[in-house]
């Protein structure tokens, strides 16, 4: 978890100044000793804050072996990232949901061809303050009651009669987030449908700090951010009809943490893929790079899925 701690602390620090870059270049002396690939150039990545820790970790390790390649990783949310990707501002878009029909249309209009690659699994996590001593689990129906548009839930007593009459403080991703899209579709049965009186942010650390600062708060975000902050947050098991299930690497991989388990993606511009530094980076992402996925709090795909996607890239 030390690697994860560094990744997410970096998001918090660099997010304050609005620029997140992992373009760490080796010193001149080290460069001559370690640069053996002959690769040069720059790779631009944006998109999901959920996928960010994976791409940031892969980028950092890739640059150690290829110090003449600068990889810059930012996060503006899945939707915000697609806006840049579809006008060719970036080479790769991190996404915590599949590309939408309207984004596909935009790609066609802009002449952007892309390859969709699934890279990991995530268990979208519902969390409360560490000191919360009354929530043992939530049903999907209760989640909907809390988060649906025009919700009547004002206090925890409105959810269950035996819970305290304390105001519910809610935190969640903003509308550019793929996590927001996925959660609202699964919980409220309509993507984008949600009550408006909650604290929204594309920076998951803002959500973490908000929930950690209020005993009666609740929020949701990717599993990695819960793992990094287990000392001040408590994850809520979710009952979708088969009993409460907590997100763990095992329940996410085997699908028993439903319906909040989901795949994570990167989208690669096919024109960019013709550049050797990007092709090699993507190949690294799906081979050695994938071994970093558990270290940053997510779940690897079966090897057969990586093999199938490598075949899309070619030699």
Protein backbone atom coordinates (compact mmCIF):
# COMPACT_ATOMS: atom_id res chain seq x y z
CA UNK A 1 0.00 0.00 0.00
CA UNK A 2 3.03 2.31 0.17
CA UNK A 3 2.84 2.75 -3.62
CA UNK A 4 -0.85 3.62 -3.40
CA UNK A 5 -0.22 6.13 -0.63
CA UNK A 6 2.28 7.94 -2.80
CA UNK A 7 -0.03 7.98 -5.82
CA UNK A 8 -3.03 9.40 -4.00
CA UNK A 9 -1.06 11.90 -1.94
CA UNK A 10 0.34 13.13 -5.24
CA UNK A 11 -3.20 13.67 -6.56
CA UNK A 12 -4.11 15.70 -3.49
CA UNK A 13 -0.97 17.87 -3.61
CA UNK A 14 -0.85 18.48 -7.34
CA UNK A 15 -4.63 18.83 -7.57
CA UNK A 16 -4.32 21.98 -5.47
CA UNK A 17 -2.35 23.67 -8.22
CA UNK A 18 -4.41 22.17 -11.05
CA UNK A 19 -1.58 20.33 -12.78
CA UNK A 20 -0.81 16.66 -12.39
CA UNK A 21 2.30 15.48 -14.15
CA UNK A 22 4.28 12.33 -13.86
CA UNK A 23 6.87 13.35 -16.41
CA UNK A 24 9.85 12.54 -14.21
CA UNK A 25 13.03 12.55 -16.23
CA UNK A 26 16.19 10.84 -15.09
CA UNK A 27 19.39 12.85 -14.64
CA UNK A 28 21.78 13.08 -17.54
CA UNK A 29 24.25 10.62 -16.06
CA UNK A 30 21.60 7.99 -15.29
CA UNK A 31 20.00 8.48 -18.70
CA UNK A 32 23.00 7.18 -20.59
CA UNK A 33 23.11 4.08 -18.40
CA UNK A 34 19.40 3.19 -18.37
CA UNK A 35 18.08 4.31 -21.75
CA UNK A 36 18.35 1.15 -23.83
CA UNK A 37 15.10 1.16 -25.79
CA UNK A 38 15.88 4.13 -28.00
CA UNK A 39 12.34 5.40 -27.51
CA UNK A 40 11.74 9.14 -27.37
CA UNK A 41 8.71 11.41 -27.40
CA UNK A 42 5.78 12.32 -25.18
CA UNK A 43 2.53 10.62 -24.19
CA UNK A 44 -0.50 12.56 -22.94
CA UNK A 45 -3.12 10.85 -20.76
CA UNK A 46 -6.23 12.33 -19.12
CA UNK A 47 -9.60 11.16 -17.86
CA UNK A 48 -10.87 9.18 -14.90
CA UNK A 49 -9.57 9.91 -11.41
CA UNK A 50 -10.43 6.30 -10.58
CA UNK A 51 -8.12 4.93 -13.26
CA UNK A 52 -5.51 7.62 -12.57
CA UNK A 53 -3.57 5.66 -9.88
CA UNK A 54 -3.07 2.76 -12.31
CA UNK A 55 -1.96 4.90 -15.24
CA UNK A 56 0.25 7.04 -13.00
CA UNK A 57 1.98 3.95 -11.57
CA UNK A 58 2.46 2.37 -15.01
CA UNK A 59 3.74 5.66 -16.42
CA UNK A 60 6.29 6.07 -13.67
CA UNK A 61 7.69 2.56 -14.09
CA UNK A 62 7.70 2.84 -17.89
CA UNK A 63 9.71 6.05 -17.68
CA UNK A 64 12.34 4.41 -15.50
CA UNK A 65 13.10 2.10 -18.41
CA UNK A 66 12.53 4.76 -21.07
CA UNK A 67 13.78 8.05 -19.61
CA UNK A 68 13.63 9.82 -22.99
CA UNK A 69 9.84 9.39 -23.05
CA UNK A 70 7.79 11.85 -21.03
CA UNK A 71 4.40 10.56 -19.90
CA UNK A 72 1.98 13.13 -18.50
CA UNK A 73 -1.08 11.90 -16.61
CA UNK A 74 -3.92 14.23 -15.61
CA UNK A 75 -7.46 13.64 -14.35
CA UNK A 76 -10.48 15.69 -15.33
CA UNK A 77 -13.05 12.90 -15.01
CA UNK A 78 -14.01 10.33 -17.63
CA UNK A 79 -16.30 12.74 -19.48
CA UNK A 80 -13.90 15.65 -19.27
CA UNK A 81 -11.12 13.39 -20.51
CA UNK A 82 -13.17 12.23 -23.47
CA UNK A 83 -13.79 15.85 -24.46
CA UNK A 84 -10.03 16.30 -24.87
CA UNK A 85 -9.42 12.86 -26.36
CA UNK A 86 -12.06 13.33 -29.06
CA UNK A 87 -10.46 16.51 -30.35
CA UNK A 88 -7.01 14.91 -30.35
CA UNK A 89 -5.64 16.82 -27.38
CA UNK A 90 -4.58 13.58 -25.70
CA UNK A 91 -3.32 10.18 -26.80
CA UNK A 92 -5.03 8.05 -24.15
CA UNK A 93 -8.19 8.52 -22.11
CA UNK A 94 -8.66 6.78 -18.76
CA UNK A 95 -12.30 5.78 -18.32
CA UNK A 96 -14.32 4.25 -15.51
CA UNK A 97 -17.22 3.57 -17.90
CA UNK A 98 -17.56 2.61 -21.56
CA UNK A 99 -17.66 5.37 -24.15
CA UNK A 100 -21.17 6.81 -24.70
CA UNK A 101 -23.08 6.92 -27.98
CA UNK A 102 -22.78 10.71 -28.16
CA UNK A 103 -19.01 10.40 -27.67
CA UNK A 104 -18.80 7.78 -30.40
CA UNK A 105 -20.63 10.20 -32.70
CA UNK A 106 -18.19 12.95 -31.77
CA UNK A 107 -15.28 10.64 -32.55
CA UNK A 108 -16.72 9.93 -35.97
CA UNK A 109 -17.22 13.62 -36.66
CA UNK A 110 -13.67 14.41 -35.56
CA UNK A 111 -12.10 11.50 -37.43
CA UNK A 112 -10.82 9.93 -34.22
CA UNK A 113 -10.41 6.16 -34.36
CA UNK A 114 -9.64 4.46 -31.07
CA UNK A 115 -9.01 1.12 -29.42
CA UNK A 116 -10.89 0.29 -26.21
CA UNK A 117 -8.85 -1.72 -23.73
CA UNK A 118 -10.12 -3.09 -20.45
CA UNK A 119 -7.36 -2.90 -17.83
CA UNK A 120 -8.77 -3.79 -14.38
CA UNK A 121 -11.79 -4.30 -12.16
CA UNK A 122 -13.00 -1.86 -9.50
CA UNK A 123 -15.50 -2.22 -6.69
CA UNK A 124 -17.28 1.12 -6.44
CA UNK A 125 -17.28 1.66 -2.68
CA UNK A 126 -19.92 3.22 -0.46
CA UNK A 127 -18.23 4.61 2.64
CA UNK A 128 -19.04 6.34 5.90
CA UNK A 129 -17.02 7.97 8.64
CA UNK A 130 -14.85 5.61 10.70
CA UNK A 131 -16.75 6.60 13.86
CA UNK A 132 -20.15 5.69 12.39
CA UNK A 133 -21.43 3.01 14.77
CA UNK A 134 -24.94 2.39 13.48
CA UNK A 135 -24.71 1.47 9.78
CA UNK A 136 -24.01 -2.24 9.35
CA UNK A 137 -25.07 -2.45 5.69
CA UNK A 138 -27.31 -0.77 3.13
CA UNK A 139 -29.68 -2.34 0.64
CA UNK A 140 -29.86 -1.15 -2.94
CA UNK A 141 -33.35 0.14 -2.16
CA UNK A 142 -31.98 2.21 0.71
CA UNK A 143 -29.19 3.59 -1.48
CA UNK A 144 -31.80 4.65 -4.01
CA UNK A 145 -33.94 6.22 -1.29
CA UNK A 146 -30.93 8.27 -0.17
CA UNK A 147 -29.58 9.30 -3.57
CA UNK A 148 -32.58 9.55 -5.91
CA UNK A 149 -33.68 12.92 -7.31
CA UNK A 150 -35.96 14.79 -4.89
CA UNK A 151 -35.08 12.36 -2.11
CA UNK A 152 -37.06 12.82 1.09
CA UNK A 153 -34.13 11.58 3.18
CA UNK A 154 -32.87 14.40 5.40
CA UNK A 155 -31.73 12.45 8.46
CA UNK A 156 -30.52 8.90 9.02
CA UNK A 157 -33.80 8.18 10.81
CA UNK A 158 -35.52 8.68 7.45
CA UNK A 159 -33.61 5.65 6.13
CA UNK A 160 -34.22 3.31 9.08
CA UNK A 161 -36.40 4.21 12.05
CA UNK A 162 -33.85 2.91 14.57
CA UNK A 163 -31.06 5.12 13.23
CA UNK A 164 -30.33 8.57 14.73
CA UNK A 165 -32.19 11.71 13.68
CA UNK A 166 -28.94 13.30 12.56
CA UNK A 167 -28.61 15.13 9.21
CA UNK A 168 -27.20 13.06 6.34
CA UNK A 169 -24.16 14.72 4.75
CA UNK A 170 -23.51 13.36 1.26
CA UNK A 171 -20.36 13.38 -0.89
CA UNK A 172 -19.88 12.05 -4.41
CA UNK A 173 -18.17 12.60 -7.77
CA UNK A 174 -19.23 15.35 -10.14
CA UNK A 175 -21.13 14.81 -13.36
CA UNK A 176 -17.97 14.50 -15.51
CA UNK A 177 -17.02 11.38 -13.58
CA UNK A 178 -17.56 7.88 -14.96
CA UNK A 179 -18.08 6.78 -11.36
CA UNK A 180 -20.99 9.23 -11.11
CA UNK A 181 -22.49 7.83 -14.33
CA UNK A 182 -22.11 4.22 -13.21
CA UNK A 183 -23.46 4.77 -9.71
CA UNK A 184 -26.53 6.71 -10.80
CA UNK A 185 -27.37 4.18 -13.49
CA UNK A 186 -27.06 1.20 -11.16
CA UNK A 187 -28.65 2.78 -8.09
CA UNK A 188 -31.21 5.23 -9.52
CA UNK A 189 -31.73 3.33 -12.81
CA UNK A 190 -30.94 6.42 -14.87
CA UNK A 191 -27.48 7.74 -15.65
CA UNK A 192 -27.10 11.24 -14.24
CA UNK A 193 -30.22 11.10 -12.07
CA UNK A 194 -29.32 12.19 -8.53
CA UNK A 195 -30.35 14.56 -5.77
CA UNK A 196 -28.65 17.93 -6.08
CA UNK A 197 -27.93 18.72 -2.42
CA UNK A 198 -24.64 16.87 -2.05
CA UNK A 199 -20.99 17.91 -2.15
CA UNK A 200 -19.58 16.98 -5.57
CA UNK A 201 -15.96 16.91 -6.70
CA UNK A 202 -13.89 15.30 -9.46
CA UNK A 203 -11.07 14.99 -6.92
CA UNK A 204 -11.70 11.89 -4.82
CA UNK A 205 -9.49 13.23 -2.03
CA UNK A 206 -11.95 16.09 -1.49
CA UNK A 207 -14.63 13.44 -0.93
CA UNK A 208 -12.40 11.42 1.38
CA UNK A 209 -11.64 14.45 3.54
CA UNK A 210 -15.28 15.50 3.68
CA UNK A 211 -16.47 12.09 4.83
CA UNK A 212 -13.60 11.74 7.28
CA UNK A 213 -14.56 15.07 8.84
CA UNK A 214 -18.20 14.31 9.63
CA UNK A 215 -19.52 11.35 11.65
CA UNK A 216 -22.87 11.39 9.85
CA UNK A 217 -21.57 11.55 6.29
CA UNK A 218 -21.75 9.07 3.41
CA UNK A 219 -20.19 9.00 -0.03
CA UNK A 220 -18.96 6.82 -2.88
CA UNK A 221 -15.85 6.47 -5.05
CA UNK A 222 -13.39 3.87 -6.35
CA UNK A 223 -12.10 1.06 -4.14
CA UNK A 224 -8.49 2.28 -4.15
CA UNK A 225 -9.41 5.47 -2.32
CA UNK A 226 -11.16 3.49 0.41
CA UNK A 227 -8.14 1.17 0.78
CA UNK A 228 -5.80 4.14 1.08
CA UNK A 229 -7.99 5.71 3.79
CA UNK A 230 -9.14 2.70 5.82
CA UNK A 231 -7.88 4.39 8.98
CA UNK A 232 -10.56 7.09 8.74
CA UNK A 233 -13.31 5.55 6.61
CA UNK A 234 -15.56 2.50 6.92
CA UNK A 235 -16.82 0.67 3.87
CA UNK A 236 -20.52 -0.26 3.83
CA UNK A 237 -21.52 -3.76 2.69
CA UNK A 238 -24.25 -3.66 0.05
CA UNK A 239 -27.21 -6.03 -0.09
CA UNK A 240 -28.55 -6.42 -3.63
CA UNK A 241 -30.90 -9.24 -2.62
CA UNK A 242 -28.50 -12.01 -1.63
CA UNK A 243 -27.26 -10.62 1.65
CA UNK A 244 -24.72 -7.90 2.46
CA UNK A 245 -21.42 -8.12 0.57
CA UNK A 246 -18.34 -6.00 1.19
CA UNK A 247 -16.04 -5.02 -1.68
CA UNK A 248 -12.81 -7.04 -1.55
CA UNK A 249 -10.45 -8.19 -4.32
CA UNK A 250 -12.20 -11.57 -4.21
CA UNK A 251 -15.81 -10.32 -4.30
CA UNK A 252 -14.99 -7.81 -7.03
CA UNK A 253 -13.26 -10.41 -9.21
CA UNK A 254 -15.90 -13.13 -8.80
CA UNK A 255 -18.81 -10.72 -9.24
CA UNK A 256 -20.50 -11.33 -5.89
CA UNK A 257 -20.13 -7.65 -5.04
CA UNK A 258 -22.98 -6.68 -7.29
CA UNK A 259 -24.01 -4.49 -8.95
CA UNK A 260 -21.17 -2.13 -8.03
CA UNK A 261 -18.28 -4.14 -9.48
CA UNK A 262 -17.20 -2.71 -12.82
CA UNK A 263 -14.41 -2.78 -15.40
CA UNK A 264 -11.96 0.07 -15.92
CA UNK A 265 -10.70 1.10 -19.37
CA UNK A 266 -8.15 3.02 -21.34
CA UNK A 267 -9.00 4.35 -24.80
CA UNK A 268 -6.07 4.78 -27.17
CA UNK A 269 -6.10 6.95 -30.29
CA UNK A 270 -5.20 4.64 -33.20
CA UNK A 271 -3.24 7.37 -34.94
CA UNK A 272 -1.20 7.88 -31.76
CA UNK A 273 -0.68 4.12 -31.51
CA UNK A 274 1.40 4.29 -34.69
CA UNK A 275 4.06 6.12 -32.70
CA UNK A 276 6.46 3.55 -31.23
CA UNK A 277 6.61 5.11 -27.77
CA UNK A 278 2.83 4.87 -27.37
CA UNK A 279 2.56 1.36 -28.77
CA UNK A 280 5.28 0.18 -26.40
CA UNK A 281 3.66 1.99 -23.47
CA UNK A 282 0.31 0.30 -24.11
CA UNK A 283 1.97 -3.09 -24.47
CA UNK A 284 3.80 -2.49 -21.19
CA UNK A 285 0.50 -1.45 -19.55
CA UNK A 286 -1.05 -4.83 -20.45
CA UNK A 287 2.00 -6.94 -19.52
CA UNK A 288 4.49 -5.95 -16.81
CA UNK A 289 2.45 -2.87 -15.93
CA UNK A 290 -0.61 -4.88 -14.97
CA UNK A 291 1.31 -6.29 -12.00
CA UNK A 292 1.03 -2.83 -10.40
CA UNK A 293 -2.78 -2.99 -10.38
CA UNK A 294 -3.15 -4.79 -7.00
CA UNK A 295 -0.54 -2.47 -5.49
CA UNK A 296 -2.70 0.57 -6.21
CA UNK A 297 -5.90 -1.02 -4.88
CA UNK A 298 -7.62 -2.61 -7.89
CA UNK A 299 -8.14 -6.11 -9.27
CA UNK A 300 -6.41 -7.61 -12.29
CA UNK A 301 -8.33 -9.21 -15.14
CA UNK A 302 -7.84 -12.89 -16.00
CA UNK A 303 -4.68 -13.34 -18.07
CA UNK A 304 -6.73 -14.48 -21.06
CA UNK A 305 -8.35 -11.03 -21.27
CA UNK A 306 -4.98 -9.29 -21.36
CA UNK A 307 -3.81 -11.75 -24.02
CA UNK A 308 -6.88 -11.05 -26.16
CA UNK A 309 -6.34 -7.30 -25.93
CA UNK A 310 -2.65 -7.57 -26.74
CA UNK A 311 -3.67 -9.29 -29.94
CA UNK A 312 -5.60 -6.12 -30.92
CA UNK A 313 -2.40 -4.12 -30.74
CA UNK A 314 -0.19 -6.41 -32.80
CA UNK A 315 3.57 -6.57 -32.84
